Amino acid sequence: MIETTLIAYLNGQLPVEAYAEYPENAPAQFVLIEKTGSGLTNRLSRATVAVQSYGDSLLDAMELNEQVKEVMDALPDELDSITRSKLNSDYNFTDTSTRKYRYQAVYDITYYKEDV
């Protein structure tokens, strides 16, 4: 699964933890990974992935989002299985009902199928 690859990679590159789901005892800053779509052609897989950066303030979330984008942009240079990592969009994604500050960066990733 591309999600586990991304979580392991981000945990090694960012100063905060990356998770697949909202942690029970959430730290002040962290990152969530969610695959929102995918496709497969022969051995080449495609995934659209949302990376949500959480912070205590909007500024913290924005700054973490910038760090995430730097790390995600470097994916093809760092991991042999990733051939492309392209920013689709990023934007303020604050949860207004809970006042949890977050930014979301959406990436289109192309990678080699892992079980082949």
PDB file of N, CA and C in Angstrom:
ATOM      1  N   MET A   1       0.846  -1.197   0.000  1.00  0.00           N
ATOM      2  CA  MET A   1       0.000   0.000   0.000  1.00  0.00           C
ATOM      3  C   MET A   1       0.874   1.237   0.000  1.00  0.00           C
ATOM      4  N   ILE A   2       0.534   2.165  -0.853  1.00  0.00           N
ATOM      5  CA  ILE A   2       1.298   3.395  -0.952  1.00  0.00           C
ATOM      6  C   ILE A   2       1.224   4.197   0.342  1.00  0.00           C
ATOM      7  N   GLU A   3       0.128   4.083   1.071  1.00  0.00           N
ATOM      8  CA  GLU A   3      -0.010   4.841   2.319  1.00  0.00           C
ATOM      9  C   GLU A   3       1.079   4.471   3.320  1.00  0.00           C
ATOM     10  N   THR A   4       1.365   3.176   3.471  1.00  0.00           N
ATOM     11  CA  THR A   4       2.392   2.760   4.437  1.00  0.00           C
ATOM     12  C   THR A   4       3.773   3.234   3.996  1.00  0.00           C
ATOM     13  N   THR A   5       4.020   3.220   2.701  1.00  0.00           N
ATOM     14  CA  THR A   5       5.296   3.729   2.177  1.00  0.00           C
ATOM     15  C   THR A   5       5.440   5.212   2.491  1.00  0.00           C
ATOM     16  N   LEU A   6       4.373   5.972   2.259  1.00  0.00           N
ATOM     17  CA  LEU A   6       4.422   7.416   2.497  1.00  0.00           C
ATOM     18  C   LEU A   6       4.553   7.744   3.979  1.00  0.00           C
ATOM     19  N   ILE A   7       3.833   7.015   4.827  1.00  0.00           N
ATOM     20  CA  ILE A   7       3.920   7.268   6.266  1.00  0.00           C
ATOM     21  C   ILE A   7       5.338   6.998   6.759  1.00  0.00           C
ATOM     22  N   ALA A   8       5.931   5.891   6.354  1.00  0.00           N
ATOM     23  CA  ALA A   8       7.305   5.572   6.772  1.00  0.00           C
ATOM     24  C   ALA A   8       8.275   6.642   6.267  1.00  0.00           C
ATOM     25  N   TYR A   9       8.109   7.049   5.017  1.00  0.00           N
ATOM     26  CA  TYR A   9       8.983   8.071   4.435  1.00  0.00           C
ATOM     27  C   TYR A   9       8.846   9.401   5.174  1.00  0.00           C
ATOM     28  N   LEU A  10       7.613   9.859   5.375  1.00  0.00           N
ATOM     29  CA  LEU A  10       7.392  11.135   6.053  1.00  0.00           C
ATOM     30  C   LEU A  10       7.885  11.099   7.490  1.00  0.00           C
ATOM     31  N   ASN A  11       7.708   9.965   8.172  1.00  0.00           N
ATOM     32  CA  ASN A  11       8.200   9.858   9.548  1.00  0.00           C
ATOM     33  C   ASN A  11       9.718   9.975   9.617  1.00  0.00           C
ATOM     34  N   GLY A  12      10.394   9.616   8.552  1.00  0.00           N
ATOM     35  CA  GLY A  12      11.845   9.750   8.516  1.00  0.00           C
ATOM     36  C   GLY A  12      12.328  11.117   8.051  1.00  0.00           C
ATOM     37  N   GLN A  13      11.433  11.926   7.487  1.00  0.00           N
ATOM     38  CA  GLN A  13      11.827  13.209   6.896  1.00  0.00           C
ATOM     39  C   GLN A  13      11.295  14.441   7.632  1.00  0.00           C
ATOM     40  N   LEU A  14      10.188  14.295   8.342  1.00  0.00           N
ATOM     41  CA  LEU A  14       9.553  15.440   8.995  1.00  0.00           C
ATOM     42  C   LEU A  14       9.845  15.460  10.495  1.00  0.00           C
ATOM     43  N   PRO A  15       9.762  16.628  11.134  1.00  0.00           N
ATOM     44  CA  PRO A  15       9.964  16.718  12.582  1.00  0.00           C
ATOM     45  C   PRO A  15       8.716  16.332  13.388  1.00  0.00           C
ATOM     46  N   VAL A  16       7.669  15.861  12.697  1.00  0.00           N
ATOM     47  CA  VAL A  16       6.424  15.444  13.350  1.00  0.00           C
ATOM     48  C   VAL A  16       6.074  14.040  12.867  1.00  0.00           C
ATOM     49  N   GLU A  17       5.120  13.405  13.532  1.00  0.00           N
ATOM     50  CA  GLU A  17       4.679  12.061  13.154  1.00  0.00           C
ATOM     51  C   GLU A  17       3.616  12.120  12.070  1.00  0.00           C
ATOM     52  N   ALA A  18       3.631  11.109  11.215  1.00  0.00           N
ATOM     53  CA  ALA A  18       2.600  10.940  10.195  1.00  0.00           C
ATOM     54  C   ALA A  18       1.752   9.729  10.574  1.00  0.00           C
ATOM     55  N   TYR A  19       0.447   9.821  10.336  1.00  0.00           N
ATOM     56  CA  TYR A  19      -0.495   8.784  10.721  1.00  0.00           C
ATOM     57  C   TYR A  19      -1.461   8.485   9.569  1.00  0.00           C
ATOM     58  N   ALA A  20      -2.108   7.313   9.664  1.00  0.00           N
ATOM     59  CA  ALA A  20      -3.144   6.941   8.704  1.00  0.00           C
ATOM     60  C   ALA A  20      -4.528   7.379   9.194  1.00  0.00           C
ATOM     61  N   GLU A  21      -4.659   7.605  10.489  1.00  0.00           N
ATOM     62  CA  GLU A  21      -5.924   8.079  11.043  1.00  0.00           C
ATOM     63  C   GLU A  21      -5.644   9.026  12.197  1.00  0.00           C
ATOM     64  N   TYR A  22      -6.641   9.808  12.543  1.00  0.00           N
ATOM     65  CA  TYR A  22      -6.486  10.812  13.595  1.00  0.00           C
ATOM     66  C   TYR A  22      -6.102  10.114  14.899  1.00  0.00           C
ATOM     67  N   PRO A  23      -4.969  10.487  15.501  1.00  0.00           N
ATOM     68  CA  PRO A  23      -4.526   9.804  16.725  1.00  0.00           C
ATOM     69  C   PRO A  23      -5.407  10.146  17.925  1.00  0.00           C
ATOM     70  N   GLU A  24      -5.567   9.167  18.808  1.00  0.00           N
ATOM     71  CA  GLU A  24      -6.418   9.344  19.987  1.00  0.00           C
ATOM     72  C   GLU A  24      -5.927  10.496  20.860  1.00  0.00           C
ATOM     73  N   ASN A  25      -4.656  10.521  21.158  1.00  0.00           N
ATOM     74  CA  ASN A  25      -4.053  11.608  21.935  1.00  0.00           C
ATOM     75  C   ASN A  25      -3.192  12.432  20.981  1.00  0.00           C
ATOM     76  N   ALA A  26      -3.846  13.226  20.170  1.00  0.00           N
ATOM     77  CA  ALA A  26      -3.168  13.949  19.095  1.00  0.00           C
ATOM     78  C   ALA A  26      -2.148  14.943  19.635  1.00  0.00           C
ATOM     79  N   PRO A  27      -0.929  14.909  19.062  1.00  0.00           N
ATOM     80  CA  PRO A  27       0.057  15.923  19.429  1.00  0.00           C
ATOM     81  C   PRO A  27      -0.322  17.280  18.841  1.00  0.00           C
ATOM     82  N   ALA A  28       0.413  18.322  19.213  1.00  0.00           N
ATOM     83  CA  ALA A  28       0.116  19.674  18.728  1.00  0.00           C
ATOM     84  C   ALA A  28       0.231  19.756  17.209  1.00  0.00           C
ATOM     85  N   GLN A  29       1.236  19.107  16.653  1.00  0.00           N
ATOM     86  CA  GLN A  29       1.422  19.092  15.208  1.00  0.00           C
ATOM     87  C   GLN A  29       1.616  17.659  14.745  1.00  0.00           C
ATOM     88  N   PHE A  30       0.989  17.331  13.626  1.00  0.00           N
ATOM     89  CA  PHE A  30       1.136  16.006  13.037  1.00  0.00           C
ATOM     90  C   PHE A  30       0.598  16.046  11.621  1.00  0.00           C
ATOM     91  N   VAL A  31       0.763  14.918  10.912  1.00  0.00           N
ATOM     92  CA  VAL A  31       0.341  14.807   9.521  1.00  0.00           C
ATOM     93  C   VAL A  31      -0.520  13.561   9.361  1.00  0.00           C
ATOM     94  N   LEU A  32      -1.596  13.672   8.589  1.00  0.00           N
ATOM     95  CA  LEU A  32      -2.442  12.530   8.231  1.00  0.00           C
ATOM     96  C   LEU A  32      -2.314  12.272   6.736  1.00  0.00           C
ATOM     97  N   ILE A  33      -2.281  10.989   6.370  1.00  0.00           N
ATOM     98  CA  ILE A  33      -2.215  10.575   4.971  1.00  0.00           C
ATOM     99  C   ILE A  33      -3.521   9.881   4.620  1.00  0.00           C
ATOM    100  N   GLU A  34      -4.099  10.250   3.471  1.00  0.00           N
ATOM    101  CA  GLU A  34      -5.323   9.583   3.007  1.00  0.00           C
ATOM    102  C   GLU A  34      -5.288   9.446   1.488  1.00  0.00           C
ATOM    103  N   LYS A  35      -5.404   8.214   1.012  1.00  0.00           N
ATOM    104  CA  LYS A  35      -5.497   8.003  -0.433  1.00  0.00           C
ATOM    105  C   LYS A  35      -6.938   8.266  -0.836  1.00  0.00           C
ATOM    106  N   THR A  36      -7.129   9.130  -1.828  1.00  0.00           N
ATOM    107  CA  THR A  36      -8.478   9.490  -2.245  1.00  0.00           C
ATOM    108  C   THR A  36      -8.855   8.892  -3.590  1.00  0.00           C
ATOM    109  N   GLY A  37      -7.883   8.282  -4.268  1.00  0.00           N
ATOM    110  CA  GLY A  37      -8.163   7.650  -5.552  1.00  0.00           C
ATOM    111  C   GLY A  37      -6.943   6.890  -6.024  1.00  0.00           C
ATOM    112  N   SER A  38      -7.158   5.976  -6.986  1.00  0.00           N
ATOM    113  CA  SER A  38      -6.027   5.206  -7.493  1.00  0.00           C
ATOM    114  C   SER A  38      -6.361   4.597  -8.842  1.00  0.00           C
ATOM    115  N   GLY A  39      -5.315   4.104  -9.497  1.00  0.00           N
ATOM    116  CA  GLY A  39      -5.462   3.425 -10.776  1.00  0.00           C
ATOM    117  C   GLY A  39      -4.241   2.555 -11.006  1.00  0.00           C
ATOM    118  N   LEU A  40      -4.339   1.657 -12.001  1.00  0.00           N
ATOM    119  CA  LEU A  40      -3.250   0.730 -12.286  1.00  0.00           C
ATOM    120  C   LEU A  40      -3.209   0.455 -13.780  1.00  0.00           C
ATOM    121  N   THR A  41      -2.036   0.590 -14.362  1.00  0.00           N
ATOM    122  CA  THR A  41      -1.804   0.226 -15.751  1.00  0.00           C
ATOM    123  C   THR A  41      -0.561  -0.656 -15.768  1.00  0.00           C
ATOM    124  N   ASN A  42      -0.759  -1.941 -16.093  1.00  0.00           N
ATOM    125  CA  ASN A  42       0.327  -2.918 -16.025  1.00  0.00           C
ATOM    126  C   ASN A  42       0.936  -2.897 -14.626  1.00  0.00           C
ATOM    127  N   ARG A  43       2.202  -2.592 -14.509  1.00  0.00           N
ATOM    128  CA  ARG A  43       2.855  -2.557 -13.190  1.00  0.00           C
ATOM    129  C   ARG A  43       2.940  -1.153 -12.616  1.00  0.00           C
ATOM    130  N   LEU A  44       2.438  -0.162 -13.324  1.00  0.00           N
ATOM    131  CA  LEU A  44       2.548   1.220 -12.888  1.00  0.00           C
ATOM    132  C   LEU A  44       1.248   1.675 -12.228  1.00  0.00           C
ATOM    133  N   SER A  45       1.356   2.019 -10.965  1.00  0.00           N
ATOM    134  CA  SER A  45       0.186   2.450 -10.197  1.00  0.00           C
ATOM    135  C   SER A  45       0.151   3.962 -10.084  1.00  0.00           C
ATOM    136  N   ARG A  46      -1.060   4.483  -9.932  1.00  0.00           N
ATOM    137  CA  ARG A  46      -1.275   5.903  -9.706  1.00  0.00           C
ATOM    138  C   ARG A  46      -2.141   6.060  -8.458  1.00  0.00           C
ATOM    139  N   ALA A  47      -1.826   7.079  -7.694  1.00  0.00           N
ATOM    140  CA  ALA A  47      -2.640   7.362  -6.517  1.00  0.00           C
ATOM    141  C   ALA A  47      -2.758   8.868  -6.338  1.00  0.00           C
ATOM    142  N   THR A  48      -3.929   9.291  -5.905  1.00  0.00           N
ATOM    143  CA  THR A  48      -4.120  10.663  -5.459  1.00  0.00           C
ATOM    144  C   THR A  48      -4.150  10.597  -3.943  1.00  0.00           C
ATOM    145  N   VAL A  49      -3.285  11.376  -3.324  1.00  0.00           N
ATOM    146  CA  VAL A  49      -3.103  11.299  -1.875  1.00  0.00           C
ATOM    147  C   VAL A  49      -3.268  12.685  -1.273  1.00  0.00           C
ATOM    148  N   ALA A  50      -4.067  12.763  -0.209  1.00  0.00           N
ATOM    149  CA  ALA A  50      -4.227  14.003   0.546  1.00  0.00           C
ATOM    150  C   ALA A  50      -3.339  13.916   1.784  1.00  0.00           C
ATOM    151  N   VAL A  51      -2.521  14.943   1.975  1.00  0.00           N
ATOM    152  CA  VAL A  51      -1.644  15.020   3.145  1.00  0.00           C
ATOM    153  C   VAL A  51      -2.117  16.216   3.964  1.00  0.00           C
ATOM    154  N   GLN A  52      -2.661  15.933   5.138  1.00  0.00           N
ATOM    155  CA  GLN A  52      -3.211  16.985   5.988  1.00  0.00           C
ATOM    156  C   GLN A  52      -2.203  17.326   7.081  1.00  0.00           C
ATOM    157  N   SER A  53      -1.861  18.610   7.172  1.00  0.00           N
ATOM    158  CA  SER A  53      -0.905  19.110   8.163  1.00  0.00           C
ATOM    159  C   SER A  53      -1.669  19.833   9.261  1.00  0.00           C
ATOM    160  N   TYR A  54      -1.577  19.324  10.486  1.00  0.00           N
ATOM    161  CA  TYR A  54      -2.272  19.904  11.637  1.00  0.00           C
ATOM    162  C   TYR A  54      -1.321  20.743  12.473  1.00  0.00           C
ATOM    163  N   GLY A  55      -1.836  21.828  13.045  1.00  0.00           N
ATOM    164  CA  GLY A  55      -1.037  22.674  13.926  1.00  0.00           C
ATOM    165  C   GLY A  55      -1.900  23.360  14.967  1.00  0.00           C
ATOM    166  N   ASP A  56      -1.229  23.900  16.002  1.00  0.00           N
ATOM    167  CA  ASP A  56      -1.932  24.638  17.061  1.00  0.00           C
ATOM    168  C   ASP A  56      -2.512  25.943  16.545  1.00  0.00           C
ATOM    169  N   SER A  57      -1.898  26.483  15.506  1.00  0.00           N
ATOM    170  CA  SER A  57      -2.374  27.729  14.913  1.00  0.00           C
ATOM    171  C   SER A  57      -2.400  27.547  13.403  1.00  0.00           C
ATOM    172  N   LEU A  58      -3.052  28.460  12.724  1.00  0.00           N
ATOM    173  CA  LEU A  58      -3.085  28.404  11.269  1.00  0.00           C
ATOM    174  C   LEU A  58      -1.675  28.551  10.705  1.00  0.00           C
ATOM    175  N   LEU A  59      -0.872  29.408  11.319  1.00  0.00           N
ATOM    176  CA  LEU A  59       0.507  29.598  10.875  1.00  0.00           C
ATOM    177  C   LEU A  59       1.305  28.296  11.023  1.00  0.00           C
ATOM    178  N   ASP A  60       1.140  27.603  12.147  1.00  0.00           N
ATOM    179  CA  ASP A  60       1.828  26.319  12.342  1.00  0.00           C
ATOM    180  C   ASP A  60       1.426  25.318  11.258  1.00  0.00           C
ATOM    181  N   ALA A  61       0.141  25.251  10.955  1.00  0.00           N
ATOM    182  CA  ALA A  61      -0.341  24.328   9.928  1.00  0.00           C
ATOM    183  C   ALA A  61       0.217  24.710   8.555  1.00  0.00           C
ATOM    184  N   MET A  62       0.270  26.009   8.255  1.00  0.00           N
ATOM    185  CA  MET A  62       0.824  26.477   6.979  1.00  0.00           C
ATOM    186  C   MET A  62       2.299  26.129   6.857  1.00  0.00           C
ATOM    187  N   GLU A  63       3.056  26.364   7.917  1.00  0.00           N
ATOM    188  CA  GLU A  63       4.494  26.081   7.889  1.00  0.00           C
ATOM    189  C   GLU A  63       4.760  24.590   7.737  1.00  0.00           C
ATOM    190  N   LEU A  64       3.989  23.768   8.433  1.00  0.00           N
ATOM    191  CA  LEU A  64       4.140  22.322   8.298  1.00  0.00           C
ATOM    192  C   LEU A  64       3.772  21.881   6.887  1.00  0.00           C
ATOM    193  N   ASN A  65       2.745  22.480   6.308  1.00  0.00           N
ATOM    194  CA  ASN A  65       2.355  22.179   4.935  1.00  0.00           C
ATOM    195  C   ASN A  65       3.508  22.463   3.972  1.00  0.00           C
ATOM    196  N   GLU A  66       4.225  23.548   4.174  1.00  0.00           N
ATOM    197  CA  GLU A  66       5.368  23.876   3.314  1.00  0.00           C
ATOM    198  C   GLU A  66       6.468  22.826   3.451  1.00  0.00           C
ATOM    199  N   GLN A  67       6.703  22.340   4.670  1.00  0.00           N
ATOM    200  CA  GLN A  67       7.686  21.279   4.882  1.00  0.00           C
ATOM    201  C   GLN A  67       7.240  19.999   4.186  1.00  0.00           C
ATOM    202  N   VAL A  68       5.966  19.681   4.308  1.00  0.00           N
ATOM    203  CA  VAL A  68       5.413  18.487   3.666  1.00  0.00           C
ATOM    204  C   VAL A  68       5.617  18.561   2.157  1.00  0.00           C
ATOM    205  N   LYS A  69       5.343  19.707   1.565  1.00  0.00           N
ATOM    206  CA  LYS A  69       5.486  19.851   0.114  1.00  0.00           C
ATOM    207  C   LYS A  69       6.935  19.653  -0.324  1.00  0.00           C
ATOM    208  N   GLU A  70       7.882  20.187   0.427  1.00  0.00           N
ATOM    209  CA  GLU A  70       9.294  19.977   0.099  1.00  0.00           C
ATOM    210  C   GLU A  70       9.650  18.496   0.109  1.00  0.00           C
ATOM    211  N   VAL A  71       9.197  17.795   1.129  1.00  0.00           N
ATOM    212  CA  VAL A  71       9.502  16.375   1.281  1.00  0.00           C
ATOM    213  C   VAL A  71       8.788  15.547   0.207  1.00  0.00           C
ATOM    214  N   MET A  72       7.533  15.857  -0.046  1.00  0.00           N
ATOM    215  CA  MET A  72       6.771  15.114  -1.063  1.00  0.00           C
ATOM    216  C   MET A  72       7.334  15.359  -2.462  1.00  0.00           C
ATOM    217  N   ASP A  73       7.792  16.567  -2.740  1.00  0.00           N
ATOM    218  CA  ASP A  73       8.373  16.871  -4.049  1.00  0.00           C
ATOM    219  C   ASP A  73       9.655  16.077  -4.292  1.00  0.00           C
ATOM    220  N   ALA A  74      10.352  15.716  -3.217  1.00  0.00           N
ATOM    221  CA  ALA A  74      11.613  14.978  -3.334  1.00  0.00           C
ATOM    222  C   ALA A  74      11.416  13.460  -3.440  1.00  0.00           C
ATOM    223  N   LEU A  75      10.187  12.988  -3.316  1.00  0.00           N
ATOM    224  CA  LEU A  75       9.914  11.533  -3.333  1.00  0.00           C
ATOM    225  C   LEU A  75      10.592  10.773  -4.478  1.00  0.00           C
ATOM    226  N   PRO A  76      10.471  11.200  -5.736  1.00  0.00           N
ATOM    227  CA  PRO A  76      11.083  10.428  -6.822  1.00  0.00           C
ATOM    228  C   PRO A  76      12.607  10.342  -6.723  1.00  0.00           C
ATOM    229  N   ASP A  77      13.233  11.330  -6.102  1.00  0.00           N
ATOM    230  CA  ASP A  77      14.685  11.314  -5.919  1.00  0.00           C
ATOM    231  C   ASP A  77      15.102  10.431  -4.748  1.00  0.00           C
ATOM    232  N   GLU A  78      14.201  10.201  -3.821  1.00  0.00           N
ATOM    233  CA  GLU A  78      14.523   9.479  -2.596  1.00  0.00           C
ATOM    234  C   GLU A  78      14.123   8.001  -2.609  1.00  0.00           C
ATOM    235  N   LEU A  79      13.030   7.667  -3.291  1.00  0.00           N
ATOM    236  CA  LEU A  79      12.529   6.292  -3.298  1.00  0.00           C
ATOM    237  C   LEU A  79      12.486   5.758  -4.729  1.00  0.00           C
ATOM    238  N   ASP A  80      13.131   4.627  -4.963  1.00  0.00           N
ATOM    239  CA  ASP A  80      13.181   4.041  -6.306  1.00  0.00           C
ATOM    240  C   ASP A  80      11.808   3.632  -6.826  1.00  0.00           C
ATOM    241  N   SER A  81      10.887   3.289  -5.937  1.00  0.00           N
ATOM    242  CA  SER A  81       9.570   2.819  -6.366  1.00  0.00           C
ATOM    243  C   SER A  81       8.648   3.949  -6.823  1.00  0.00           C
ATOM    244  N   ILE A  82       8.999   5.195  -6.518  1.00  0.00           N
ATOM    245  CA  ILE A  82       8.175   6.348  -6.887  1.00  0.00           C
ATOM    246  C   ILE A  82       8.759   6.986  -8.136  1.00  0.00           C
ATOM    247  N   THR A  83       7.950   7.099  -9.183  1.00  0.00           N
ATOM    248  CA  THR A  83       8.440   7.713 -10.418  1.00  0.00           C
ATOM    249  C   THR A  83       7.999   9.169 -10.575  1.00  0.00           C
ATOM    250  N   ARG A  84       6.941   9.544  -9.855  1.00  0.00           N
ATOM    251  CA  ARG A  84       6.419  10.910  -9.984  1.00  0.00           C
ATOM    252  C   ARG A  84       5.649  11.284  -8.728  1.00  0.00           C
ATOM    253  N   SER A  85       5.845  12.512  -8.277  1.00  0.00           N
ATOM    254  CA  SER A  85       5.082  13.072  -7.170  1.00  0.00           C
ATOM    255  C   SER A  85       4.808  14.528  -7.524  1.00  0.00           C
ATOM    256  N   LYS A  86       3.568  14.809  -7.911  1.00  0.00           N
ATOM    257  CA  LYS A  86       3.220  16.141  -8.414  1.00  0.00           C
ATOM    258  C   LYS A  86       2.122  16.760  -7.553  1.00  0.00           C
ATOM    259  N   LEU A  87       2.387  17.966  -7.090  1.00  0.00           N
ATOM    260  CA  LEU A  87       1.385  18.697  -6.324  1.00  0.00           C
ATOM    261  C   LEU A  87       0.206  19.028  -7.215  1.00  0.00           C
ATOM    262  N   ASN A  88      -0.972  18.585  -6.807  1.00  0.00           N
ATOM    263  CA  ASN A  88      -2.209  18.886  -7.522  1.00  0.00           C
ATOM    264  C   ASN A  88      -2.761  20.212  -7.021  1.00  0.00           C
ATOM    265  N   SER A  89      -2.792  20.363  -5.668  1.00  0.00           N
ATOM    266  CA  SER A  89      -3.341  21.565  -5.049  1.00  0.00           C
ATOM    267  C   SER A  89      -3.013  21.549  -3.562  1.00  0.00           C
ATOM    268  N   ASP A  90      -2.933  22.732  -2.952  1.00  0.00           N
ATOM    269  CA  ASP A  90      -2.866  22.804  -1.490  1.00  0.00           C
ATOM    270  C   ASP A  90      -3.652  24.014  -1.028  1.00  0.00           C
ATOM    271  N   TYR A  91      -4.233  23.895   0.165  1.00  0.00           N
ATOM    272  CA  TYR A  91      -5.164  24.932   0.610  1.00  0.00           C
ATOM    273  C   TYR A  91      -5.454  24.789   2.100  1.00  0.00           C
ATOM    274  N   ASN A  92      -5.982  25.865   2.679  1.00  0.00           N
ATOM    275  CA  ASN A  92      -6.438  25.863   4.059  1.00  0.00           C
ATOM    276  C   ASN A  92      -7.612  24.885   4.159  1.00  0.00           C
ATOM    277  N   PHE A  93      -7.537  23.964   5.112  1.00  0.00           N
ATOM    278  CA  PHE A  93      -8.573  22.938   5.265  1.00  0.00           C
ATOM    279  C   PHE A  93      -8.992  22.852   6.728  1.00  0.00           C
ATOM    280  N   THR A  94      -9.006  24.020   7.399  1.00  0.00           N
ATOM    281  CA  THR A  94      -9.347  24.068   8.819  1.00  0.00           C
ATOM    282  C   THR A  94     -10.742  23.507   9.050  1.00  0.00           C
ATOM    283  N   ASP A  95     -10.862  22.669  10.074  1.00  0.00           N
ATOM    284  CA  ASP A  95     -12.152  22.104  10.462  1.00  0.00           C
ATOM    285  C   ASP A  95     -12.851  23.142  11.335  1.00  0.00           C
ATOM    286  N   THR A  96     -13.802  23.843  10.764  1.00  0.00           N
ATOM    287  CA  THR A  96     -14.441  24.943  11.482  1.00  0.00           C
ATOM    288  C   THR A  96     -15.307  24.475  12.651  1.00  0.00           C
ATOM    289  N   SER A  97     -15.791  23.249  12.606  1.00  0.00           N
ATOM    290  CA  SER A  97     -16.628  22.761  13.710  1.00  0.00           C
ATOM    291  C   SER A  97     -15.803  22.440  14.954  1.00  0.00           C
ATOM    292  N   THR A  98     -14.562  22.016  14.775  1.00  0.00           N
ATOM    293  CA  THR A  98     -13.711  21.679  15.924  1.00  0.00           C
ATOM    294  C   THR A  98     -12.603  22.705  16.153  1.00  0.00           C
ATOM    295  N   ARG A  99     -12.446  23.658  15.219  1.00  0.00           N
ATOM    296  CA  ARG A  99     -11.367  24.661  15.255  1.00  0.00           C
ATOM    297  C   ARG A  99      -9.992  23.994  15.268  1.00  0.00           C
ATOM    298  N   LYS A 100      -9.867  22.889  14.551  1.00  0.00           N
ATOM    299  CA  LYS A 100      -8.571  22.232  14.359  1.00  0.00           C
ATOM    300  C   LYS A 100      -7.947  22.829  13.101  1.00  0.00           C
ATOM    301  N   TYR A 101      -6.825  23.494  13.277  1.00  0.00           N
ATOM    302  CA  TYR A 101      -6.155  24.124  12.140  1.00  0.00           C
ATOM    303  C   TYR A 101      -5.422  23.075  11.324  1.00  0.00           C
ATOM    304  N   ARG A 102      -5.658  23.109  10.015  1.00  0.00           N
ATOM    305  CA  ARG A 102      -4.974  22.173   9.132  1.00  0.00           C
ATOM    306  C   ARG A 102      -4.895  22.755   7.726  1.00  0.00           C
ATOM    307  N   TYR A 103      -3.885  22.304   7.021  1.00  0.00           N
ATOM    308  CA  TYR A 103      -3.725  22.573   5.597  1.00  0.00           C
ATOM    309  C   TYR A 103      -3.727  21.226   4.900  1.00  0.00           C
ATOM    310  N   GLN A 104      -4.154  21.210   3.659  1.00  0.00           N
ATOM    311  CA  GLN A 104      -4.163  19.960   2.906  1.00  0.00           C
ATOM    312  C   GLN A 104      -3.419  20.155   1.591  1.00  0.00           C
ATOM    313  N   ALA A 105      -2.483  19.237   1.330  1.00  0.00           N
ATOM    314  CA  ALA A 105      -1.766  19.194   0.056  1.00  0.00           C
ATOM    315  C   ALA A 105      -2.185  17.908  -0.640  1.00  0.00           C
ATOM    316  N   VAL A 106      -2.669  18.023  -1.866  1.00  0.00           N
ATOM    317  CA  VAL A 106      -3.116  16.868  -2.638  1.00  0.00           C
ATOM    318  C   VAL A 106      -2.055  16.572  -3.694  1.00  0.00           C
ATOM    319  N   TYR A 107      -1.586  15.331  -3.698  1.00  0.00           N
ATOM    320  CA  TYR A 107      -0.534  14.914  -4.624  1.00  0.00           C
ATOM    321  C   TYR A 107      -0.999  13.794  -5.528  1.00  0.00           C
ATOM    322  N   ASP A 108      -0.539  13.858  -6.773  1.00  0.00           N
ATOM    323  CA  ASP A 108      -0.709  12.771  -7.727  1.00  0.00           C
ATOM    324  C   ASP A 108       0.622  12.025  -7.776  1.00  0.00           C
ATOM    325  N   ILE A 109       0.589  10.757  -7.410  1.00  0.00           N
ATOM    326  CA  ILE A 109       1.811   9.961  -7.293  1.00  0.00           C
ATOM    327  C   ILE A 109       1.731   8.786  -8.252  1.00  0.00           C
ATOM    328  N   THR A 110       2.831   8.534  -8.958  1.00  0.00           N
ATOM    329  CA  THR A 110       2.958   7.373  -9.825  1.00  0.00           C
ATOM    330  C   THR A 110       4.071   6.509  -9.256  1.00  0.00           C
ATOM    331  N   TYR A 111       3.812   5.213  -9.157  1.00  0.00           N
ATOM    332  CA  TYR A 111       4.780   4.310  -8.517  1.00  0.00           C
ATOM    333  C   TYR A 111       4.644   2.912  -9.066  1.00  0.00           C
ATOM    334  N   TYR A 112       5.690   2.125  -8.861  1.00  0.00           N
ATOM    335  CA  TYR A 112       5.654   0.733  -9.279  1.00  0.00           C
ATOM    336  C   TYR A 112       4.848  -0.078  -8.277  1.00  0.00           C
ATOM    337  N   LYS A 113       3.998  -0.963  -8.794  1.00  0.00           N
ATOM    338  CA  LYS A 113       3.188  -1.823  -7.937  1.00  0.00           C
ATOM    339  C   LYS A 113       4.102  -2.609  -7.016  1.00  0.00           C
ATOM    340  N   GLU A 114       3.788  -2.616  -5.722  1.00  0.00           N
ATOM    341  CA  GLU A 114       4.699  -3.135  -4.705  1.00  0.00           C
ATOM    342  C   GLU A 114       4.760  -4.646  -4.615  1.00  0.00           C
ATOM    343  N   ASP A 115       3.743  -5.365  -5.032  1.00  0.00           N
ATOM    344  CA  ASP A 115       3.748  -6.820  -4.858  1.00  0.00           C
ATOM    345  C   ASP A 115       4.299  -7.562  -6.086  1.00  0.00           C
ATOM    346  N   VAL A 116       4.876  -6.849  -7.026  1.00  0.00           N
ATOM    347  CA  VAL A 116       5.410  -7.488  -8.228  1.00  0.00           C
ATOM    348  C   VAL A 116       6.913  -7.664  -8.078  1.00  0.00           C
TER     349      VAL A 116
END
